[in-house]
Amino acid sequence: MKDIPLETDRTRNQRPLYMKHPMSKFTWTTAKEDDIAEWSNMCLGYLNNIENFYKGKDNAEIIYNKAVQMFQWEG
């Protein structure tokens, strides 16, 4: 079974939440409209890839593949 990696950490762009706040070095956010739109599009792409991967497979085959994948992660 082909694994589909999620690479969400690559798109983070940290900036201070409050520019003049005395504790600004401890308050970071990654919520920018451009970042959120890019993240949303990336997640939609991953969901479409997963949907296409499972298209045409029956429930028993999907469950079997997931069980095999879980056992591979443990050891």
N, C-alpha and C. Protein backbone atom coordinates (compact mmCIF):
# COMPACT_ATOMS: atom_id res chain seq x y z
N MET A 1 0.84 -1.18 0.00
CA MET A 1 0.00 0.00 0.00
C MET A 1 0.88 1.24 0.00
N LYS A 2 0.55 2.18 -0.82
CA LYS A 2 1.32 3.41 -0.94
C LYS A 2 0.93 4.39 0.17
N ASP A 3 1.91 4.88 0.91
CA ASP A 3 1.64 5.88 1.96
C ASP A 3 1.55 7.26 1.33
N ILE A 4 0.68 8.09 1.87
CA ILE A 4 0.51 9.45 1.39
C ILE A 4 1.04 10.38 2.48
N PRO A 5 2.21 10.99 2.29
CA PRO A 5 2.80 11.84 3.33
C PRO A 5 2.06 13.17 3.46
N LEU A 6 1.99 13.67 4.67
CA LEU A 6 1.43 14.99 4.92
C LEU A 6 2.57 15.93 5.29
N GLU A 7 2.76 16.95 4.50
CA GLU A 7 3.89 17.85 4.71
C GLU A 7 3.39 19.23 5.12
N THR A 8 2.67 19.31 6.24
CA THR A 8 2.10 20.57 6.66
C THR A 8 3.12 21.49 7.31
N ASP A 9 4.22 20.94 7.85
CA ASP A 9 5.20 21.77 8.54
C ASP A 9 5.98 22.65 7.59
N ARG A 10 6.01 22.32 6.32
CA ARG A 10 6.78 23.10 5.35
C ARG A 10 6.20 24.49 5.11
N THR A 11 4.90 24.66 5.32
CA THR A 11 4.24 25.91 4.95
C THR A 11 4.13 26.90 6.10
N ARG A 12 4.69 26.61 7.23
CA ARG A 12 4.56 27.51 8.38
C ARG A 12 5.42 28.76 8.21
N ASN A 13 4.85 29.89 8.56
CA ASN A 13 5.54 31.16 8.49
C ASN A 13 5.23 31.89 9.79
N GLN A 14 6.12 31.80 10.77
CA GLN A 14 5.83 32.36 12.08
C GLN A 14 6.08 33.86 12.10
N ARG A 15 5.23 34.55 12.84
CA ARG A 15 5.38 35.98 13.07
C ARG A 15 4.75 36.29 14.42
N PRO A 16 5.16 37.38 15.09
CA PRO A 16 4.59 37.68 16.40
C PRO A 16 3.11 38.06 16.30
N LEU A 17 2.33 37.63 17.29
CA LEU A 17 0.91 37.95 17.32
C LEU A 17 0.71 39.43 17.62
N TYR A 18 1.44 39.96 18.59
CA TYR A 18 1.40 41.38 18.94
C TYR A 18 2.79 41.95 18.74
N MET A 19 2.94 42.89 17.84
CA MET A 19 4.26 43.43 17.53
C MET A 19 4.88 44.18 18.72
N LYS A 20 4.10 44.91 19.50
CA LYS A 20 4.65 45.71 20.59
C LYS A 20 4.33 45.13 21.97
N HIS A 21 3.84 43.94 22.02
CA HIS A 21 3.52 43.30 23.29
C HIS A 21 4.81 42.95 24.03
N PRO A 22 4.90 43.20 25.36
CA PRO A 22 6.14 42.93 26.10
C PRO A 22 6.55 41.45 26.08
N MET A 23 5.61 40.56 25.89
CA MET A 23 5.92 39.13 25.86
C MET A 23 5.88 38.60 24.42
N SER A 24 6.12 39.45 23.44
CA SER A 24 5.94 39.06 22.04
C SER A 24 6.82 37.89 21.63
N LYS A 25 7.97 37.72 22.26
CA LYS A 25 8.82 36.60 21.87
C LYS A 25 8.19 35.26 22.25
N PHE A 26 7.16 35.27 23.12
CA PHE A 26 6.50 34.03 23.53
C PHE A 26 5.14 33.85 22.85
N THR A 27 4.66 34.85 22.13
CA THR A 27 3.35 34.73 21.49
C THR A 27 3.54 34.73 19.98
N TRP A 28 3.50 33.55 19.40
CA TRP A 28 3.67 33.39 17.96
C TRP A 28 2.40 32.82 17.35
N THR A 29 2.14 33.21 16.13
CA THR A 29 0.99 32.68 15.42
C THR A 29 1.38 32.34 13.99
N THR A 30 0.64 31.47 13.39
CA THR A 30 0.87 31.13 11.99
C THR A 30 -0.38 31.42 11.17
N ALA A 31 -1.31 32.17 11.73
CA ALA A 31 -2.59 32.42 11.07
C ALA A 31 -2.52 33.68 10.22
N LYS A 32 -2.25 33.51 8.96
CA LYS A 32 -2.27 34.57 7.98
C LYS A 32 -3.24 34.11 6.90
N GLU A 33 -3.99 35.03 6.31
CA GLU A 33 -4.98 34.61 5.31
C GLU A 33 -4.35 33.82 4.18
N ASP A 34 -3.19 34.27 3.70
CA ASP A 34 -2.51 33.56 2.61
C ASP A 34 -2.09 32.16 3.06
N ASP A 35 -1.57 32.06 4.28
CA ASP A 35 -1.13 30.77 4.82
C ASP A 35 -2.32 29.82 4.98
N ILE A 36 -3.45 30.36 5.47
CA ILE A 36 -4.63 29.53 5.68
C ILE A 36 -5.17 29.03 4.35
N ALA A 37 -5.21 29.89 3.34
CA ALA A 37 -5.69 29.48 2.02
C ALA A 37 -4.77 28.42 1.43
N GLU A 38 -3.45 28.61 1.55
CA GLU A 38 -2.50 27.63 1.04
C GLU A 38 -2.64 26.30 1.77
N TRP A 39 -2.78 26.34 3.09
CA TRP A 39 -2.96 25.13 3.88
C TRP A 39 -4.25 24.42 3.51
N SER A 40 -5.33 25.20 3.33
CA SER A 40 -6.62 24.62 2.96
C SER A 40 -6.54 23.93 1.60
N ASN A 41 -5.91 24.57 0.63
CA ASN A 41 -5.75 23.97 -0.70
C ASN A 41 -4.90 22.71 -0.63
N MET A 42 -3.86 22.73 0.19
CA MET A 42 -2.99 21.57 0.33
C MET A 42 -3.77 20.39 0.95
N CYS A 43 -4.57 20.66 1.98
CA CYS A 43 -5.37 19.61 2.62
C CYS A 43 -6.40 19.05 1.65
N LEU A 44 -7.02 19.93 0.86
CA LEU A 44 -7.99 19.48 -0.13
C LEU A 44 -7.32 18.57 -1.16
N GLY A 45 -6.11 18.90 -1.55
CA GLY A 45 -5.35 18.06 -2.48
C GLY A 45 -5.06 16.69 -1.89
N TYR A 46 -4.66 16.65 -0.61
CA TYR A 46 -4.41 15.37 0.05
C TYR A 46 -5.68 14.53 0.14
N LEU A 47 -6.81 15.18 0.49
CA LEU A 47 -8.07 14.44 0.57
C LEU A 47 -8.48 13.89 -0.79
N ASN A 48 -8.26 14.66 -1.85
CA ASN A 48 -8.57 14.17 -3.19
C ASN A 48 -7.68 12.99 -3.56
N ASN A 49 -6.39 13.05 -3.18
CA ASN A 49 -5.47 11.93 -3.44
C ASN A 49 -5.94 10.67 -2.71
N ILE A 50 -6.36 10.82 -1.46
CA ILE A 50 -6.83 9.67 -0.69
C ILE A 50 -8.10 9.11 -1.31
N GLU A 51 -9.01 10.00 -1.71
CA GLU A 51 -10.26 9.56 -2.34
C GLU A 51 -9.97 8.78 -3.63
N ASN A 52 -9.06 9.28 -4.44
CA ASN A 52 -8.71 8.59 -5.69
C ASN A 52 -8.02 7.26 -5.41
N PHE A 53 -7.21 7.20 -4.35
CA PHE A 53 -6.51 5.97 -3.99
C PHE A 53 -7.49 4.86 -3.62
N TYR A 54 -8.56 5.21 -2.90
CA TYR A 54 -9.52 4.22 -2.45
C TYR A 54 -10.68 4.01 -3.42
N LYS A 55 -10.73 4.76 -4.50
CA LYS A 55 -11.81 4.63 -5.47
C LYS A 55 -11.80 3.22 -6.08
N GLY A 56 -12.96 2.59 -6.10
CA GLY A 56 -13.09 1.26 -6.69
C GLY A 56 -12.76 0.12 -5.76
N LYS A 57 -12.35 0.41 -4.52
CA LYS A 57 -12.04 -0.66 -3.57
C LYS A 57 -13.24 -0.88 -2.65
N ASP A 58 -13.47 -2.13 -2.28
CA ASP A 58 -14.58 -2.41 -1.37
C ASP A 58 -14.12 -2.22 0.08
N ASN A 59 -15.09 -2.22 1.00
CA ASN A 59 -14.78 -1.95 2.41
C ASN A 59 -13.82 -2.97 3.01
N ALA A 60 -13.96 -4.23 2.65
CA ALA A 60 -13.07 -5.27 3.19
C ALA A 60 -11.63 -5.01 2.79
N GLU A 61 -11.41 -4.60 1.56
CA GLU A 61 -10.05 -4.32 1.09
C GLU A 61 -9.45 -3.11 1.80
N ILE A 62 -10.26 -2.09 2.02
CA ILE A 62 -9.80 -0.89 2.72
C ILE A 62 -9.43 -1.22 4.16
N ILE A 63 -10.29 -1.99 4.84
CA ILE A 63 -10.03 -2.37 6.23
C ILE A 63 -8.77 -3.23 6.32
N TYR A 64 -8.62 -4.17 5.40
CA TYR A 64 -7.43 -5.02 5.39
C TYR A 64 -6.17 -4.17 5.21
N ASN A 65 -6.18 -3.24 4.26
CA ASN A 65 -5.02 -2.39 4.02
C ASN A 65 -4.68 -1.54 5.24
N LYS A 66 -5.69 -1.02 5.92
CA LYS A 66 -5.46 -0.22 7.13
C LYS A 66 -4.87 -1.07 8.25
N ALA A 67 -5.37 -2.30 8.40
CA ALA A 67 -4.84 -3.19 9.44
C ALA A 67 -3.37 -3.51 9.17
N VAL A 68 -3.04 -3.80 7.92
CA VAL A 68 -1.65 -4.07 7.55
C VAL A 68 -0.78 -2.86 7.84
N GLN A 69 -1.28 -1.68 7.50
CA GLN A 69 -0.54 -0.44 7.73
C GLN A 69 -0.31 -0.22 9.23
N MET A 70 -1.30 -0.49 10.07
CA MET A 70 -1.15 -0.32 11.52
C MET A 70 -0.10 -1.26 12.09
N PHE A 71 -0.09 -2.51 11.64
CA PHE A 71 0.89 -3.47 12.13
C PHE A 71 2.30 -3.12 11.68
N GLN A 72 2.44 -2.52 10.52
CA GLN A 72 3.76 -2.11 10.04
C GLN A 72 4.30 -0.96 10.87
N TRP A 73 3.45 -0.05 11.34
CA TRP A 73 3.90 1.10 12.14
C TRP A 73 4.37 0.68 13.52
N GLU A 74 3.81 -0.39 14.07
CA GLU A 74 4.17 -0.82 15.42
C GLU A 74 5.56 -1.43 15.49
N GLY A 75 6.03 -2.02 14.45
CA GLY A 75 7.30 -2.71 14.56
C GLY A 75 8.12 -2.50 13.40
